[in-house]
Amino acid sequence: MGCIFSSDADDGGPSENSVNPSEVYVYVLGLREPKQIDLTEKLKGTVSPGLSEKMQSLRSKIITLCGRNGSGMKMKPQRKSLDGDSGDLDLEKALNDYLPLLLGLVIGGDKFNSVVEFPWTNVVDEKKDTSMASVYYELLSVLHLLGVLALQEANMCLTPKPRADEYNSKATEGMCFALHPVYAFGRYLSSSLSWHTVSDESKRKSIKILLKAASYFECALKAVLPNTPEDTKAKLPADLTETMFRSLEQQAIGQAVDLQLGFAVVSGKASLAVKRRLACEHVEVWDEAVRKLRAVQLGERVRDKQLLYVKWKLAEAKAAAYYFHSQVLDEGCGKNIHAQSLSCMRASHAYLKESQKARNEFGNMEPLTKVPPLWGTMKYLYRRIPRERSSKRRLLRENYPKEKMPRKTPKLPEFPVALSADPFHLPPFDPAWKMESGFEVRASLTAVLPVYYTLKDQIPPPILDLSRAGPALPPSAVTDMYALVSLASVYEVWWKDVKRD
């Protein structure tokens, strides 16, 4: 799986894929791309020619930029070149430029909402063409594309790249990247993976990009879908349903929490309790992603691949959580505490094996993808979990023979997920719409949130960003008091809301 062949004799140099193999650090679904339509004709008599031509120009630019990425999007994320240029950033800018004009159709009233039928296609399966005469469908499609582009960008940040001075074109002949040591037919390349390291700066950047992706999905969930007419929501393709947006949001946050946990693992300042909390949060996020994705009626080919990926990540998260929970239990002094610790370590070992099996199955499932070598938290745990399991079993037998193994594996502690994305706010509609005849601002895409959610967002998260581990500032008494008062207000309002319902 994942073999790449290139030879200097073939075309005078290495192929692009051999320079930058397509490894999956963040799984990217197939993009949904818009299909060409004549907006100037569709909007004739509804909006002015100048405005319709502007919309046509921007939408055509988006289609062109999607096509520039070519078929590489269909099975694997588009790769940046060695100099860092990519059409994805241009595509993101074009989409953001298109949003203010599109929002004019959304908030301008019924006259504008369903005047155009917008066609889109899923590039993973070209037969999945859908079109709807709803501007809400177009807006959801744009937000979905922005979010998936961000996931794709995060995957590129995490994919190691060789430096220009390290690359040797002759070393690519017969190259084959695999899950274990790298072999080539007729040649063994001992240094082909010497550059498989990712800088901390790239990981920090990836966290920001993943949270940006989550913010696009959250915007669709909180600002667009609640305002979408029910008959339109009933006809939406599976890619744009509430459950799919929620699953994608959780996947983006889960990848970011995984990176945070990786920073905590190698940091001497992070305690076992902090590592366990992050690992347990990791489980919560991926468990939610699995539950939501199971409810999405995607095509079998696309759904199975995506579902296997989130199950793989959930198994990794549980392996880490049970490992750190076992270590924390060892520091306690309760009844049967060492037996419980061993039980957790056994569970960790079982989930480690499950994750390895899912990892291999994911790479071999169509469409074929290249699974990266062990890295981050799992690289740290790959050898430690089996060793700790054997050590704890011996210690329990020799030093604590009276302790009895629990019948069930102890439950993991539950923690609220501290990491959250800054909200993405839709831009104001283009001022040119104010000059249009019959244009009235009738709809609002401002998310209507309960009061206790608004207050909760004002309370600072309990865990610092471990990607920038450093000495924490001493807390201020005034800040602590404000947090306590705010927290009390949150639960008071929430309780009143519950009793009213």
Protein backbone atom coordinates (compact mmCIF):
# COMPACT_ATOMS: atom_id res chain seq x y z
CA MET A 1 0.00 0.00 0.00
CA GLY A 2 1.13 3.50 -0.70
CA CYS A 3 4.04 2.68 -3.01
CA ILE A 4 5.44 5.42 -5.20
CA PHE A 5 7.75 4.71 -8.07
CA SER A 6 9.82 7.23 -9.90
CA SER A 7 13.01 7.07 -11.85
CA ASP A 8 15.39 9.67 -13.20
CA ALA A 9 15.22 7.89 -16.51
CA ASP A 10 11.46 8.29 -16.75
CA ASP A 11 11.10 12.01 -17.21
CA GLY A 12 14.35 13.55 -16.18
CA GLY A 13 13.41 14.14 -12.57
CA PRO A 14 11.27 13.09 -9.62
CA SER A 15 7.52 13.30 -9.71
CA GLU A 16 5.65 15.66 -7.41
CA ASN A 17 4.12 12.81 -5.45
CA SER A 18 7.52 11.31 -4.66
CA VAL A 19 8.66 14.65 -3.23
CA ASN A 20 5.61 15.09 -1.04
CA PRO A 21 3.72 11.85 -0.36
CA SER A 22 0.02 12.12 0.44
CA GLU A 23 -0.16 10.93 4.03
CA VAL A 24 -3.27 11.22 6.15
CA TYR A 25 -2.74 13.19 9.34
CA VAL A 26 -6.14 14.86 9.06
CA TYR A 27 -8.64 12.97 6.93
CA VAL A 28 -10.18 15.22 4.29
CA LEU A 29 -13.48 14.31 2.74
CA GLY A 30 -14.05 14.85 -0.94
CA LEU A 31 -14.74 18.50 -1.62
CA ARG A 32 -18.11 19.71 -2.82
CA GLU A 33 -17.54 21.91 -5.86
CA PRO A 34 -19.99 24.30 -7.54
CA LYS A 35 -21.02 23.66 -11.12
CA GLN A 36 -21.27 26.36 -13.74
CA ILE A 37 -24.53 28.30 -14.22
CA ASP A 38 -25.36 31.62 -15.87
CA LEU A 39 -26.31 33.87 -12.96
CA THR A 40 -26.71 36.91 -15.21
CA GLU A 41 -29.51 35.09 -17.02
CA LYS A 42 -31.03 33.53 -13.89
CA LEU A 43 -31.13 36.86 -12.04
CA LYS A 44 -32.31 38.88 -15.02
CA GLY A 45 -35.19 41.10 -13.98
CA THR A 46 -34.56 40.40 -10.28
CA VAL A 47 -31.31 42.27 -9.65
CA SER A 48 -29.39 44.85 -11.65
CA PRO A 49 -27.08 43.61 -14.45
CA GLY A 50 -23.99 44.99 -12.70
CA LEU A 51 -24.64 43.05 -9.49
CA SER A 52 -25.53 39.80 -11.27
CA GLU A 53 -22.38 40.06 -13.40
CA LYS A 54 -20.28 40.57 -10.25
CA MET A 55 -21.81 37.47 -8.66
CA GLN A 56 -21.27 35.50 -11.87
CA SER A 57 -17.63 36.56 -11.99
CA LEU A 58 -16.89 35.53 -8.40
CA ARG A 59 -18.70 32.20 -8.66
CA SER A 60 -16.92 31.40 -11.94
CA LYS A 61 -13.61 32.21 -10.25
CA ILE A 62 -14.42 29.71 -7.49
CA ILE A 63 -15.19 27.03 -10.07
CA THR A 64 -11.93 27.77 -11.89
CA LEU A 65 -9.88 27.55 -8.70
CA CYS A 66 -11.57 24.28 -7.75
CA GLY A 67 -10.74 22.90 -11.18
CA ARG A 68 -7.13 24.05 -10.90
CA ASN A 69 -6.64 21.58 -8.06
CA GLY A 70 -7.67 18.89 -10.52
CA SER A 71 -8.38 15.27 -9.75
CA GLY A 72 -5.93 15.34 -6.85
CA MET A 73 -8.80 16.46 -4.67
CA LYS A 74 -10.86 13.46 -5.56
CA MET A 75 -8.86 10.86 -3.69
CA LYS A 76 -6.31 12.77 -1.65
CA PRO A 77 -5.62 16.26 -0.34
CA GLN A 78 -4.05 18.68 -2.76
CA ARG A 79 -0.38 19.17 -2.08
CA LYS A 80 1.54 22.39 -1.82
CA SER A 81 4.69 22.74 -3.84
CA LEU A 82 8.06 23.06 -2.12
CA ASP A 83 7.94 26.85 -2.33
CA GLY A 84 4.65 26.89 -0.43
CA ASP A 85 2.38 28.11 -3.24
CA SER A 86 -1.10 26.68 -3.34
CA GLY A 87 -4.38 27.50 -5.01
CA ASP A 88 -6.25 26.66 -1.79
CA LEU A 89 -5.56 30.06 -0.24
CA ASP A 90 -6.81 31.80 -3.39
CA LEU A 91 -9.91 29.61 -3.28
CA GLU A 92 -10.53 30.52 0.36
CA LYS A 93 -10.24 34.22 -0.48
CA ALA A 94 -12.60 33.86 -3.44
CA LEU A 95 -15.19 32.14 -1.22
CA ASN A 96 -14.93 34.89 1.39
CA ASP A 97 -15.32 37.53 -1.33
CA TYR A 98 -18.42 35.71 -2.60
CA LEU A 99 -20.13 35.56 0.81
CA PRO A 100 -21.19 39.27 1.10
CA LEU A 101 -22.90 39.14 -2.30
CA LEU A 102 -24.53 35.79 -1.52
CA LEU A 103 -25.87 37.07 1.80
CA GLY A 104 -27.82 39.73 -0.06
CA LEU A 105 -29.89 36.95 -1.63
CA VAL A 106 -30.34 35.34 1.80
CA ILE A 107 -31.57 38.33 3.79
CA GLY A 108 -33.29 40.21 0.96
CA GLY A 109 -36.63 38.47 1.37
CA ASP A 110 -38.62 35.79 -0.47
CA LYS A 111 -38.18 37.58 -3.78
CA PHE A 112 -34.47 36.64 -3.82
CA ASN A 113 -34.28 33.41 -1.78
CA SER A 114 -35.38 30.87 -4.38
CA VAL A 115 -34.87 32.65 -7.69
CA VAL A 116 -31.78 30.61 -8.66
CA GLU A 117 -31.20 26.83 -8.66
CA PHE A 118 -27.60 26.27 -7.50
CA PRO A 119 -25.87 23.04 -8.67
CA TRP A 120 -22.99 21.39 -6.78
CA THR A 121 -21.16 18.10 -7.11
CA ASN A 122 -19.22 15.88 -4.72
CA VAL A 123 -15.84 15.25 -6.34
CA VAL A 124 -15.38 11.91 -4.56
CA ASP A 125 -18.40 10.60 -6.41
CA GLU A 126 -19.14 12.58 -9.56
CA LYS A 127 -22.58 11.01 -9.83
CA LYS A 128 -23.59 12.80 -6.65
CA ASP A 129 -24.72 16.01 -8.36
CA THR A 130 -27.30 17.97 -6.41
CA SER A 131 -29.02 21.25 -7.13
CA MET A 132 -31.59 23.21 -5.13
CA ALA A 133 -33.47 26.42 -5.76
CA SER A 134 -32.45 27.79 -2.36
CA VAL A 135 -29.81 30.34 -1.49
CA TYR A 136 -29.51 28.64 1.94
CA TYR A 137 -28.24 25.55 0.13
CA GLU A 138 -25.62 27.66 -1.61
CA LEU A 139 -24.56 29.30 1.67
CA LEU A 140 -24.25 25.96 3.48
CA SER A 141 -22.22 24.59 0.58
CA VAL A 142 -19.82 27.54 0.74
CA LEU A 143 -19.31 27.11 4.51
CA HIS A 144 -18.79 23.36 4.06
CA LEU A 145 -16.17 24.01 1.38
CA LEU A 146 -14.39 26.58 3.58
CA GLY A 147 -14.27 24.10 6.47
CA VAL A 148 -12.97 21.20 4.39
CA LEU A 149 -10.33 23.46 2.82
CA ALA A 150 -9.14 24.32 6.35
CA LEU A 151 -8.93 20.61 7.22
CA GLN A 152 -6.93 20.08 4.06
CA GLU A 153 -4.59 22.93 5.00
CA ALA A 154 -4.06 21.44 8.48
CA ASN A 155 -3.15 18.10 6.93
CA MET A 156 -0.55 19.82 4.75
CA CYS A 157 0.93 21.59 7.80
CA LEU A 158 1.33 18.25 9.58
CA THR A 159 2.81 16.45 6.57
CA PRO A 160 6.62 16.51 6.86
CA LYS A 161 8.43 18.06 3.93
CA PRO A 162 12.10 17.55 3.00
CA ARG A 163 14.29 20.61 2.95
CA ALA A 164 15.61 21.62 -0.44
CA ASP A 165 19.19 20.87 0.63
CA GLU A 166 18.24 17.37 1.86
CA TYR A 167 16.42 16.18 -1.24
CA ASN A 168 18.33 13.82 -3.51
CA SER A 169 16.51 13.08 -6.72
CA LYS A 170 18.45 9.86 -7.31
CA ALA A 171 17.22 8.45 -4.00
CA THR A 172 13.63 8.39 -5.26
CA GLU A 173 14.13 5.57 -7.73
CA GLY A 174 12.11 2.57 -6.63
CA MET A 175 10.92 4.40 -3.49
CA CYS A 176 8.05 2.86 -1.52
CA PHE A 177 6.59 4.46 1.60
CA ALA A 178 4.98 1.98 3.97
CA LEU A 179 3.95 1.66 7.59
CA HIS A 180 7.23 0.11 8.63
CA PRO A 181 10.85 0.44 7.39
CA VAL A 182 10.97 1.65 3.83
CA TYR A 183 11.73 -0.91 1.16
CA ALA A 184 12.11 -0.61 -2.59
CA PHE A 185 12.01 -3.30 -5.18
CA GLY A 186 15.65 -4.10 -5.84
CA ARG A 187 16.85 -1.38 -3.46
CA TYR A 188 16.68 -0.55 0.25
CA LEU A 189 16.56 3.12 1.10
CA SER A 190 17.80 3.64 4.63
CA SER A 191 17.46 7.43 4.68
CA SER A 192 14.24 7.95 2.75
CA LEU A 193 12.25 8.86 5.86
CA SER A 194 14.95 10.85 7.64
CA TRP A 195 12.87 14.00 7.27
CA HIS A 196 9.73 12.65 8.97
CA THR A 197 9.62 15.32 11.65
CA VAL A 198 7.19 18.19 12.05
CA SER A 199 8.18 21.36 13.85
CA ASP A 200 6.32 22.57 16.92
CA GLU A 201 5.48 25.74 15.04
CA SER A 202 3.72 23.73 12.34
CA LYS A 203 1.75 21.89 15.02
CA ARG A 204 0.71 25.16 16.67
CA LYS A 205 -0.33 26.51 13.30
CA SER A 206 -2.33 23.33 12.67
CA ILE A 207 -4.25 23.80 15.93
CA LYS A 208 -5.30 27.28 14.81
CA ILE A 209 -6.31 26.02 11.38
CA LEU A 210 -8.32 23.12 12.84
CA LEU A 211 -10.18 25.50 15.12
CA LYS A 212 -10.84 27.73 12.10
CA ALA A 213 -12.38 24.73 10.33
CA ALA A 214 -14.53 24.02 13.40
CA SER A 215 -15.71 27.65 13.41
CA TYR A 216 -17.02 27.35 9.83
CA PHE A 217 -18.99 24.21 10.72
CA GLU A 218 -20.27 25.84 13.91
CA CYS A 219 -21.42 28.88 11.92
CA ALA A 220 -23.46 26.60 9.69
CA LEU A 221 -24.97 24.93 12.78
CA LYS A 222 -25.78 28.05 14.80
CA ALA A 223 -26.37 30.77 12.22
CA VAL A 224 -27.57 29.19 8.97
CA LEU A 225 -29.38 25.91 9.66
CA PRO A 226 -31.70 27.40 12.35
CA ASN A 227 -32.87 29.98 9.78
CA THR A 228 -33.19 27.54 6.89
CA PRO A 229 -36.80 26.69 5.96
CA GLU A 230 -37.88 23.24 7.07
CA ASP A 231 -38.78 22.10 3.56
CA THR A 232 -35.28 23.05 2.39
CA LYS A 233 -33.60 21.23 5.31
CA ALA A 234 -35.57 18.09 4.48
CA LYS A 235 -34.08 18.05 0.96
CA LEU A 236 -30.46 18.83 1.87
CA PRO A 237 -27.85 16.24 0.80
CA ALA A 238 -26.25 14.21 3.58
CA ASP A 239 -23.05 16.31 3.39
CA LEU A 240 -24.93 19.41 4.59
CA THR A 241 -27.14 18.00 7.33
CA GLU A 242 -26.89 19.06 10.96
CA THR A 243 -25.44 15.72 12.06
CA MET A 244 -22.71 15.88 9.41
CA PHE A 245 -21.71 19.44 10.32
CA ARG A 246 -21.62 18.44 14.00
CA SER A 247 -19.46 15.40 13.24
CA LEU A 248 -17.02 17.46 11.17
CA GLU A 249 -16.82 20.08 13.92
CA GLN A 250 -16.02 17.41 16.51
CA GLN A 251 -13.41 15.85 14.23
CA ALA A 252 -11.63 19.20 13.80
CA ILE A 253 -11.64 19.83 17.57
CA GLY A 254 -10.56 16.23 18.22
CA GLN A 255 -7.51 16.64 16.00
CA ALA A 256 -6.62 19.88 17.82
CA VAL A 257 -6.98 18.24 21.25
CA ASP A 258 -4.74 15.41 20.02
CA LEU A 259 -2.03 17.95 19.18
CA GLN A 260 -2.46 19.59 22.60
CA LEU A 261 -2.06 16.20 24.26
CA GLY A 262 1.09 15.63 22.24
CA PHE A 263 2.54 18.88 23.57
CA ALA A 264 1.58 17.90 27.12
CA VAL A 265 3.20 14.47 26.81
CA VAL A 266 6.62 15.93 25.99
CA SER A 267 6.31 18.86 28.39
CA GLY A 268 7.95 18.51 31.79
CA LYS A 269 5.53 21.06 33.21
CA ALA A 270 2.34 19.08 32.49
CA SER A 271 1.26 16.83 35.36
CA LEU A 272 -0.28 13.39 34.97
CA ALA A 273 -3.64 14.88 35.94
CA VAL A 274 -3.45 17.39 33.08
CA LYS A 275 -2.47 14.69 30.60
CA ARG A 276 -5.32 12.47 31.79
CA ARG A 277 -7.80 15.32 31.48
CA LEU A 278 -6.74 16.11 27.93
CA ALA A 279 -6.86 12.41 27.02
CA CYS A 280 -10.37 12.08 28.48
CA GLU A 281 -11.50 15.20 26.61
CA HIS A 282 -10.07 13.59 23.49
CA VAL A 283 -12.30 10.56 24.06
CA GLU A 284 -15.39 12.75 24.57
CA VAL A 285 -14.85 14.60 21.30
CA TRP A 286 -14.23 11.53 19.11
CA ASP A 287 -17.07 9.60 20.75
CA GLU A 288 -19.43 12.42 19.78
CA ALA A 289 -17.99 12.43 16.24
CA VAL A 290 -18.64 8.69 15.87
CA ARG A 291 -22.22 8.97 17.17
CA LYS A 292 -23.07 11.80 14.80
CA LEU A 293 -21.40 10.25 11.77
CA ARG A 294 -23.30 6.99 12.22
CA ALA A 295 -26.54 8.93 11.77
CA VAL A 296 -25.46 10.46 8.44
CA GLN A 297 -26.89 8.80 5.35
CA LEU A 298 -23.78 9.12 3.20
CA GLY A 299 -22.99 6.87 0.27
CA GLU A 300 -21.56 3.55 1.40
CA ARG A 301 -18.15 4.13 -0.19
CA VAL A 302 -17.63 7.53 1.41
CA ARG A 303 -19.29 6.81 4.74
CA ASP A 304 -17.38 3.60 5.52
CA LYS A 305 -14.01 5.25 4.96
CA GLN A 306 -14.86 8.25 7.11
CA LEU A 307 -16.46 6.13 9.84
CA LEU A 308 -13.42 3.86 10.04
CA TYR A 309 -11.20 6.91 10.42
CA VAL A 310 -13.13 8.30 13.41
CA LYS A 311 -13.26 4.84 15.00
CA TRP A 312 -9.50 4.59 14.59
CA LYS A 313 -9.03 7.96 16.30
CA LEU A 314 -11.48 7.04 19.05
CA ALA A 315 -9.54 3.85 19.78
CA GLU A 316 -6.30 5.86 19.96
CA ALA A 317 -7.93 8.36 22.31
CA LYS A 318 -9.19 5.58 24.62
CA ALA A 319 -5.77 3.92 24.65
CA ALA A 320 -4.19 7.18 25.82
CA ALA A 321 -6.95 7.97 28.32
CA TYR A 322 -6.80 4.57 30.03
CA TYR A 323 -2.99 4.73 30.10
CA PHE A 324 -2.91 8.07 31.92
CA HIS A 325 -5.84 7.10 34.15
CA SER A 326 -3.89 4.00 35.17
CA GLN A 327 -0.86 6.14 36.01
CA VAL A 328 -2.96 8.52 38.12
CA LEU A 329 -4.56 5.60 39.99
CA ASP A 330 -1.09 4.32 40.90
CA GLU A 331 -0.52 7.52 42.85
CA GLY A 332 -3.60 6.89 45.02
CA CYS A 333 -4.02 4.81 48.13
CA GLY A 334 -7.55 3.45 47.92
CA LYS A 335 -8.84 -0.10 48.08
CA ASN A 336 -7.69 -2.35 45.23
CA ILE A 337 -6.11 0.71 43.63
CA HIS A 338 -3.24 -1.23 42.02
CA ALA A 339 -5.61 -3.86 40.65
CA GLN A 340 -7.75 -1.11 39.15
CA SER A 341 -4.64 0.46 37.66
CA LEU A 342 -3.71 -2.83 36.01
CA SER A 343 -7.27 -3.21 34.70
CA CYS A 344 -7.03 0.23 33.06
CA MET A 345 -3.66 -0.63 31.57
CA ARG A 346 -5.09 -3.83 30.09
CA ALA A 347 -7.90 -1.78 28.54
CA SER A 348 -5.32 0.64 27.18
CA HIS A 349 -3.40 -2.23 25.59
CA ALA A 350 -6.59 -3.64 24.04
CA TYR A 351 -7.53 -0.27 22.53
CA LEU A 352 -3.98 0.14 21.24
CA LYS A 353 -4.30 -3.12 19.30
CA GLU A 354 -7.75 -2.06 18.07
CA SER A 355 -6.37 1.26 16.83
CA GLN A 356 -3.53 -0.47 14.97
CA LYS A 357 -6.01 -2.78 13.24
CA ALA A 358 -8.31 0.13 12.28
CA ARG A 359 -5.29 2.12 11.10
CA ASN A 360 -4.24 -0.59 8.65
CA GLU A 361 -7.81 -1.20 7.46
CA PHE A 362 -8.29 2.52 6.87
CA GLY A 363 -5.28 2.74 4.58
CA ASN A 364 -6.33 -0.31 2.56
CA MET A 365 -9.97 0.74 2.15
CA GLU A 366 -10.97 2.41 -1.10
CA PRO A 367 -10.09 5.10 -1.92
CA LEU A 368 -6.55 4.02 -0.98
CA THR A 369 -4.69 6.45 1.27
CA LYS A 370 -1.24 6.48 2.78
CA VAL A 371 -1.25 6.15 6.55
CA PRO A 372 1.56 8.09 8.26
CA PRO A 373 4.09 6.50 10.59
CA LEU A 374 3.43 6.64 14.32
CA TRP A 375 3.87 10.15 15.64
CA GLY A 376 2.80 12.42 18.48
CA THR A 377 1.06 10.82 21.45
CA MET A 378 0.81 7.36 19.89
CA LYS A 379 4.52 7.25 19.14
CA TYR A 380 5.11 7.91 22.84
CA LEU A 381 2.61 5.23 23.94
CA TYR A 382 3.36 2.55 21.36
CA ARG A 383 6.18 1.00 23.40
CA ARG A 384 5.21 2.25 26.87
CA ILE A 385 1.78 0.63 27.07
CA PRO A 386 2.93 -3.02 26.59
CA ARG A 387 5.91 -2.44 28.90
CA GLU A 388 3.79 -0.83 31.63
CA ARG A 389 1.21 -3.60 31.35
CA SER A 390 3.83 -6.28 31.99
CA SER A 391 5.43 -4.29 34.81
CA LYS A 392 2.14 -3.64 36.62
CA ARG A 393 1.10 -7.26 36.33
CA ARG A 394 4.36 -8.40 37.93
CA LEU A 395 4.18 -5.80 40.71
CA LEU A 396 0.60 -6.72 41.55
CA ARG A 397 1.46 -10.41 41.75
CA GLU A 398 4.57 -9.87 43.89
CA ASN A 399 3.64 -6.92 46.14
CA TYR A 400 -0.16 -6.82 46.28
CA PRO A 401 -1.35 -10.44 46.08
CA LYS A 402 -4.48 -9.74 48.17
CA GLU A 403 -5.90 -7.19 45.76
CA LYS A 404 -8.59 -8.55 43.47
CA MET A 405 -9.03 -7.54 39.86
CA PRO A 406 -12.30 -5.65 39.27
CA ARG A 407 -14.95 -7.41 37.18
CA LYS A 408 -15.34 -4.35 34.96
CA THR A 409 -12.78 -1.85 33.80
CA PRO A 410 -13.03 1.34 35.88
CA LYS A 411 -14.83 4.17 34.11
CA LEU A 412 -12.88 7.10 32.79
CA PRO A 413 -13.52 10.42 34.51
CA GLU A 414 -15.58 12.90 32.51
CA PHE A 415 -14.41 16.43 31.82
CA PRO A 416 -15.98 19.20 29.74
CA VAL A 417 -13.98 19.93 26.61
CA ALA A 418 -12.02 23.11 27.28
CA LEU A 419 -10.81 23.74 23.74
CA SER A 420 -13.26 25.68 21.58
CA ALA A 421 -13.13 27.63 18.35
CA ASP A 422 -13.57 31.37 18.11
CA PRO A 423 -16.90 31.92 16.35
CA PHE A 424 -16.85 32.71 12.66
CA HIS A 425 -19.20 35.62 11.98
CA LEU A 426 -20.74 35.96 8.57
CA PRO A 427 -19.69 39.23 6.92
CA PRO A 428 -22.20 42.06 6.35
CA PHE A 429 -23.99 41.91 3.03
CA ASP A 430 -22.51 43.88 0.15
CA PRO A 431 -23.62 47.57 0.23
CA ALA A 432 -24.53 47.32 -3.47
CA TRP A 433 -27.67 45.43 -2.42
CA LYS A 434 -29.11 48.58 -0.83
CA MET A 435 -29.52 50.04 -4.30
CA GLU A 436 -31.60 47.11 -5.54
CA SER A 437 -35.31 47.57 -6.08
CA GLY A 438 -37.44 45.65 -3.61
CA PHE A 439 -34.51 44.73 -1.37
CA GLU A 440 -35.48 44.57 2.31
CA VAL A 441 -33.52 43.12 5.21
CA ARG A 442 -36.11 40.62 6.40
CA ALA A 443 -34.03 37.71 7.64
CA SER A 444 -31.32 37.52 10.29
CA LEU A 445 -28.51 35.00 10.41
CA THR A 446 -27.43 35.91 13.92
CA ALA A 447 -27.33 32.80 16.06
CA VAL A 448 -30.00 32.87 18.76
CA LEU A 449 -28.34 31.32 21.83
CA PRO A 450 -29.73 30.81 25.35
CA VAL A 451 -28.43 33.25 27.97
CA TYR A 452 -26.48 30.59 29.84
CA TYR A 453 -24.48 29.76 26.70
CA THR A 454 -23.56 33.42 26.31
CA LEU A 455 -22.43 33.66 29.94
CA LYS A 456 -20.53 30.38 29.73
CA ASP A 457 -18.49 31.65 26.80
CA GLN A 458 -17.29 34.56 28.95
CA ILE A 459 -15.61 32.25 31.47
CA PRO A 460 -11.98 31.55 30.53
CA PRO A 461 -11.16 27.89 29.81
CA PRO A 462 -9.61 26.03 32.76
CA ILE A 463 -6.62 24.69 30.78
CA LEU A 464 -3.94 26.80 29.18
CA ASP A 465 -2.85 26.19 25.60
CA LEU A 466 -0.27 23.49 26.20
CA SER A 467 1.26 24.12 22.79
CA ARG A 468 2.84 27.19 24.40
CA ALA A 469 3.67 25.68 27.76
CA GLY A 470 5.17 28.18 30.16
CA PRO A 471 4.82 29.49 33.69
CA ALA A 472 1.23 30.54 34.37
CA LEU A 473 0.47 33.95 35.83
CA PRO A 474 -0.86 33.99 39.42
CA PRO A 475 -4.65 34.27 39.44
CA SER A 476 -6.23 37.54 40.48
CA ALA A 477 -8.73 37.52 43.31
CA VAL A 478 -11.03 39.83 41.38
CA THR A 479 -10.93 37.58 38.29
CA ASP A 480 -11.63 34.50 40.42
CA MET A 481 -14.59 36.18 42.08
CA TYR A 482 -15.96 37.25 38.69
CA ALA A 483 -15.64 33.71 37.40
CA LEU A 484 -17.47 32.32 40.44
CA VAL A 485 -20.28 34.84 40.14
CA SER A 486 -20.56 34.24 36.39
CA LEU A 487 -20.60 30.47 36.92
CA ALA A 488 -23.30 30.80 39.56
CA SER A 489 -25.33 32.93 37.16
CA VAL A 490 -24.90 30.34 34.42
CA TYR A 491 -26.34 27.53 36.50
CA GLU A 492 -29.10 29.69 37.97
CA VAL A 493 -30.34 30.71 34.52
CA TRP A 494 -29.90 27.17 33.21
CA TRP A 495 -31.92 25.69 36.09
CA LYS A 496 -34.76 28.18 35.54
CA ASP A 497 -34.75 27.29 31.85
CA VAL A 498 -34.95 23.57 32.66
CA LYS A 499 -37.83 24.02 35.09
CA ARG A 500 -39.73 26.15 32.59
CA ASP A 501 -39.43 23.42 29.94
